[in-house]
Amino acid sequence: MILEKRIAVITGAGKGIGEAVAYGLASMGFQTVLIGRKAKDLENVARNILDTGGLSPSTRELDINDTQKMKETVKAIISDYGRIDVLVNNAGIYIDGTLELSEAEFKAMIDTNLIAQFNLTKEIVPLMEKQRMGNIFNIVSRSGKVGFAGSGAYSASKFAILGFSESLYRELTPRGIKVTALCPGWVNTKMAFDAGTPLRAEEMIEPEDLYKTIKWLLEISPAACVKEVIIESKKSIS
């Protein structure tokens, strides 16, 4: 089935992986809906998409932890476009630490990296079920596969979203909705440097590699389903 206009919703779209995915999906002809906490960042991404010939993006300033505003935002997107073909759950935060973290810090990681993703996905899946088609990409992390010293809260949140993603994969695939978790290692973003990556920029995965992976997943045959993709930087393999 060929659609005249496909709609892609990307969270954390103002920078890093989300920005790269937004540019890439726009280049594929998607109408992009950019969600993020900073309107200025979203506007910069939207302007660059327009300047490179993409469809005019829709920007939605939103902290996805604000559940009521998130529900209102999804309702408005559906009202504007009538469908959502792709959801990229990319927004997330990182705080160093494990047992030395306060309960509030630990909870902030779980709230943003898991519960907010759950709430947003819960709002969008019923529409995809009516469409009998859709793709959900959960940007997880290598930390969702391996627990690393000094980042226990982050790993806990990412292990949880990976389990959630796999359950959705098994539940939604028979209904025509593909669900894939992407688990990259160090990605060349500000977050990686803030988290203390030991790698130089040129030794890390590029944000565009995540888009290229999503592009491949969107272009494989309808019968082919991919539960998760692990992407490692060569320097990190031992």
Protein backbone atom coordinates (compact mmCIF):
# COMPACT_ATOMS: atom_id res chain seq x y z
CA MET A 1 0.00 0.00 0.00
CA ILE A 2 1.50 3.34 -1.08
CA LEU A 3 0.43 6.40 0.92
CA GLU A 4 0.54 9.91 -0.48
CA LYS A 5 1.74 11.31 2.84
CA ARG A 6 3.24 9.35 5.71
CA ILE A 7 3.37 10.89 9.18
CA ALA A 8 6.33 10.38 11.51
CA VAL A 9 6.34 11.51 15.15
CA ILE A 10 9.81 11.89 16.68
CA THR A 11 10.46 12.71 20.33
CA GLY A 12 13.65 14.40 21.45
CA ALA A 13 13.79 15.80 17.90
CA GLY A 14 15.64 19.00 18.70
CA LYS A 15 19.14 17.54 18.83
CA GLY A 16 21.32 14.44 18.59
CA ILE A 17 19.74 11.21 17.41
CA GLY A 18 16.25 12.70 17.15
CA GLU A 19 17.49 15.54 14.95
CA ALA A 20 19.30 13.13 12.61
CA VAL A 21 16.26 10.86 12.38
CA ALA A 22 14.02 13.85 11.65
CA TYR A 23 16.27 15.00 8.78
CA GLY A 24 16.43 11.48 7.40
CA LEU A 25 12.71 10.75 7.52
CA ALA A 26 11.97 14.14 5.96
CA SER A 27 14.34 13.25 3.11
CA MET A 28 12.25 10.08 2.58
CA GLY A 29 9.14 12.21 2.10
CA PHE A 30 7.65 11.86 5.56
CA GLN A 31 5.62 14.64 7.10
CA THR A 32 7.58 14.99 10.34
CA VAL A 33 6.14 15.99 13.70
CA LEU A 34 8.97 17.16 15.93
CA ILE A 35 8.50 16.90 19.69
CA GLY A 36 10.94 18.31 22.22
CA ARG A 37 11.32 20.47 25.29
CA LYS A 38 12.97 23.47 23.60
CA ALA A 39 11.00 25.30 20.91
CA LYS A 40 14.13 27.02 19.57
CA ASP A 41 15.90 23.71 18.89
CA LEU A 42 12.81 22.33 17.14
CA GLU A 43 12.47 25.46 15.01
CA ASN A 44 16.10 25.16 13.90
CA VAL A 45 15.56 21.56 12.83
CA ALA A 46 12.31 22.47 11.06
CA ARG A 47 14.02 25.33 9.20
CA ASN A 48 16.82 23.05 8.02
CA ILE A 49 14.32 20.45 6.81
CA LEU A 50 12.50 23.09 4.78
CA ASP A 51 15.78 24.45 3.40
CA THR A 52 16.68 20.98 2.10
CA GLY A 53 13.34 20.44 0.37
CA GLY A 54 11.42 18.48 3.00
CA LEU A 55 7.75 18.89 3.81
CA SER A 56 7.01 21.65 6.32
CA PRO A 57 7.50 20.02 9.73
CA SER A 58 5.14 20.45 12.64
CA THR A 59 6.88 21.40 15.89
CA ARG A 60 5.35 20.63 19.29
CA GLU A 61 7.08 21.96 22.39
CA LEU A 62 6.45 19.31 25.03
CA ASP A 63 8.00 17.72 28.09
CA ILE A 64 6.79 14.16 27.61
CA ASN A 65 6.59 13.77 31.40
CA ASP A 66 3.58 16.12 31.29
CA THR A 67 1.06 13.38 30.61
CA GLN A 68 -1.99 15.62 30.21
CA LYS A 69 -0.26 17.94 27.74
CA MET A 70 1.13 14.91 25.93
CA LYS A 71 -2.37 13.49 25.48
CA GLU A 72 -3.59 16.84 24.18
CA THR A 73 -0.64 16.99 21.78
CA VAL A 74 -1.33 13.52 20.37
CA LYS A 75 -5.01 14.39 19.97
CA ALA A 76 -4.04 17.53 18.04
CA ILE A 77 -1.64 15.58 15.79
CA ILE A 78 -4.34 13.06 14.98
CA SER A 79 -6.81 15.87 14.30
CA ASP A 80 -4.34 17.57 11.96
CA TYR A 81 -3.17 14.53 10.00
CA GLY A 82 -5.61 11.69 10.63
CA ARG A 83 -2.89 9.08 10.93
CA ILE A 84 0.52 8.29 12.42
CA ASP A 85 2.72 5.86 10.50
CA VAL A 86 5.95 6.03 12.47
CA LEU A 87 6.66 6.71 16.14
CA VAL A 88 10.27 7.20 17.21
CA ASN A 89 10.55 7.06 21.00
CA ASN A 90 13.87 8.82 21.35
CA ALA A 91 13.56 11.32 24.23
CA GLY A 92 15.56 10.41 27.30
CA ILE A 93 17.88 11.64 30.04
CA TYR A 94 21.09 10.43 31.63
CA ILE A 95 22.24 10.90 35.23
CA ASP A 96 25.49 9.33 36.46
CA GLY A 97 25.28 6.97 39.37
CA THR A 98 23.74 3.92 41.01
CA LEU A 99 23.29 3.68 44.79
CA GLU A 100 24.72 7.14 45.38
CA LEU A 101 21.74 8.67 43.56
CA SER A 102 18.83 10.09 45.50
CA GLU A 103 15.43 8.48 45.12
CA ALA A 104 14.29 11.57 43.22
CA GLU A 105 17.15 11.24 40.72
CA PHE A 106 16.52 7.53 40.22
CA LYS A 107 12.80 8.19 39.77
CA ALA A 108 13.51 10.94 37.22
CA MET A 109 15.34 8.42 35.05
CA ILE A 110 12.49 5.92 35.24
CA ASP A 111 9.84 8.58 34.66
CA THR A 112 11.46 9.98 31.51
CA ASN A 113 13.09 6.89 29.99
CA LEU A 114 10.25 4.44 30.68
CA ILE A 115 6.95 5.78 31.99
CA ALA A 116 6.71 8.72 29.59
CA GLN A 117 7.48 6.38 26.67
CA PHE A 118 4.78 4.00 27.89
CA ASN A 119 2.21 6.79 28.13
CA LEU A 120 2.97 8.20 24.68
CA THR A 121 2.94 4.79 23.01
CA LYS A 122 -0.34 3.95 24.74
CA GLU A 123 -1.93 7.03 23.15
CA ILE A 124 -0.71 6.27 19.62
CA VAL A 125 -1.10 2.49 19.31
CA PRO A 126 -4.94 2.51 19.08
CA LEU A 127 -4.70 4.67 15.94
CA MET A 128 -2.11 2.34 14.42
CA GLU A 129 -4.37 -0.59 15.22
CA LYS A 130 -7.22 1.07 13.31
CA GLN A 131 -4.84 1.66 10.41
CA ARG A 132 -3.64 -1.96 10.65
CA MET A 133 -0.14 -0.66 10.06
CA GLY A 134 2.63 1.33 11.69
CA ASN A 135 6.21 1.24 12.88
CA ILE A 136 7.42 1.95 16.40
CA PHE A 137 11.13 2.48 16.97
CA ASN A 138 12.30 2.56 20.57
CA ILE A 139 15.75 4.12 20.90
CA VAL A 140 17.11 2.12 23.81
CA SER A 141 20.89 1.81 24.37
CA ARG A 142 23.64 -0.76 24.74
CA SER A 143 22.96 -0.06 28.43
CA GLY A 144 19.67 -1.89 27.94
CA LYS A 145 21.65 -5.06 27.22
CA VAL A 146 24.62 -4.68 29.61
CA GLY A 147 24.66 -3.09 33.05
CA PHE A 148 27.65 -0.78 33.37
CA ALA A 149 29.30 0.31 36.61
CA GLY A 150 28.43 3.86 37.56
CA SER A 151 25.20 4.08 35.58
CA GLY A 152 22.82 1.75 37.38
CA ALA A 153 19.78 4.02 37.15
CA TYR A 154 20.24 4.58 33.44
CA SER A 155 20.76 0.86 32.82
CA ALA A 156 17.67 0.03 34.90
CA SER A 157 15.54 2.40 32.83
CA LYS A 158 16.93 1.04 29.57
CA PHE A 159 16.59 -2.63 30.53
CA ALA A 160 12.97 -1.82 31.36
CA ILE A 161 12.18 -0.08 28.06
CA LEU A 162 13.82 -2.95 26.18
CA GLY A 163 11.54 -5.46 27.93
CA PHE A 164 8.55 -3.24 27.22
CA SER A 165 9.57 -3.03 23.56
CA GLU A 166 9.91 -6.80 23.21
CA SER A 167 6.47 -7.35 24.73
CA LEU A 168 4.99 -4.85 22.28
CA TYR A 169 6.82 -6.60 19.44
CA ARG A 170 5.09 -9.87 20.31
CA GLU A 171 1.69 -8.26 20.90
CA LEU A 172 1.50 -5.81 18.00
CA THR A 173 3.28 -7.58 15.14
CA PRO A 174 0.25 -9.83 14.45
CA ARG A 175 -1.84 -6.64 14.16
CA GLY A 176 0.34 -5.15 11.44
CA ILE A 177 2.45 -2.90 13.68
CA LYS A 178 6.19 -3.47 13.64
CA VAL A 179 8.13 -2.69 16.82
CA THR A 180 11.92 -2.53 16.92
CA ALA A 181 14.32 -1.59 19.70
CA LEU A 182 17.55 0.07 18.61
CA CYS A 183 20.41 -0.46 21.06
CA PRO A 184 23.42 1.66 20.12
CA GLY A 185 26.64 1.99 22.05
CA TRP A 186 28.32 5.38 22.38
CA VAL A 187 26.74 7.80 19.90
CA ASN A 188 28.50 11.03 18.96
CA THR A 189 26.14 13.38 20.82
CA LYS A 190 26.39 15.93 23.60
CA MET A 191 24.77 13.40 25.96
CA ALA A 192 27.63 10.95 25.34
CA PHE A 193 30.24 13.55 26.26
CA ASP A 194 28.21 14.65 29.29
CA ALA A 195 28.13 10.98 30.36
CA GLY A 196 31.93 10.76 30.15
CA THR A 197 32.49 8.67 27.04
CA PRO A 198 36.09 7.41 26.80
CA LEU A 199 35.90 7.57 22.99
CA ARG A 200 36.82 10.37 20.65
CA ALA A 201 34.09 11.71 18.37
CA GLU A 202 35.45 9.85 15.35
CA GLU A 203 35.42 6.56 17.28
CA MET A 204 31.69 6.70 18.06
CA ILE A 205 28.54 5.73 16.22
CA GLU A 206 27.09 8.69 14.32
CA PRO A 207 23.48 9.84 14.92
CA GLU A 208 22.88 9.34 11.19
CA ASP A 209 23.62 5.63 11.66
CA LEU A 210 20.41 5.38 13.68
CA TYR A 211 18.44 7.00 10.86
CA LYS A 212 20.05 4.67 8.29
CA THR A 213 19.04 1.70 10.43
CA ILE A 214 15.46 2.98 10.62
CA LYS A 215 15.44 3.55 6.85
CA TRP A 216 16.48 -0.06 6.29
CA LEU A 217 13.78 -1.29 8.67
CA LEU A 218 11.15 0.75 6.85
CA GLU A 219 12.20 -0.61 3.48
CA ILE A 220 12.39 -4.34 4.21
CA SER A 221 9.46 -6.49 3.09
CA PRO A 222 6.18 -6.37 5.05
CA ALA A 223 6.69 -9.96 6.23
CA ALA A 224 10.12 -9.26 7.70
CA CYS A 225 10.09 -8.25 11.38
CA VAL A 226 13.12 -7.23 13.45
CA LYS A 227 12.81 -7.29 17.24
CA GLU A 228 16.00 -5.41 18.05
CA VAL A 229 19.17 -4.09 16.51
CA ILE A 230 22.43 -3.76 18.46
CA ILE A 231 24.91 -1.25 17.05
CA GLU A 232 28.40 -1.12 18.55
CA SER A 233 31.32 1.14 17.79
CA LYS A 234 34.39 -0.81 16.66
CA LYS A 235 36.51 0.72 19.40
CA SER A 236 34.16 -0.60 22.13
CA ILE A 237 34.22 -4.23 21.04
CA SER A 238 36.41 -6.48 23.17
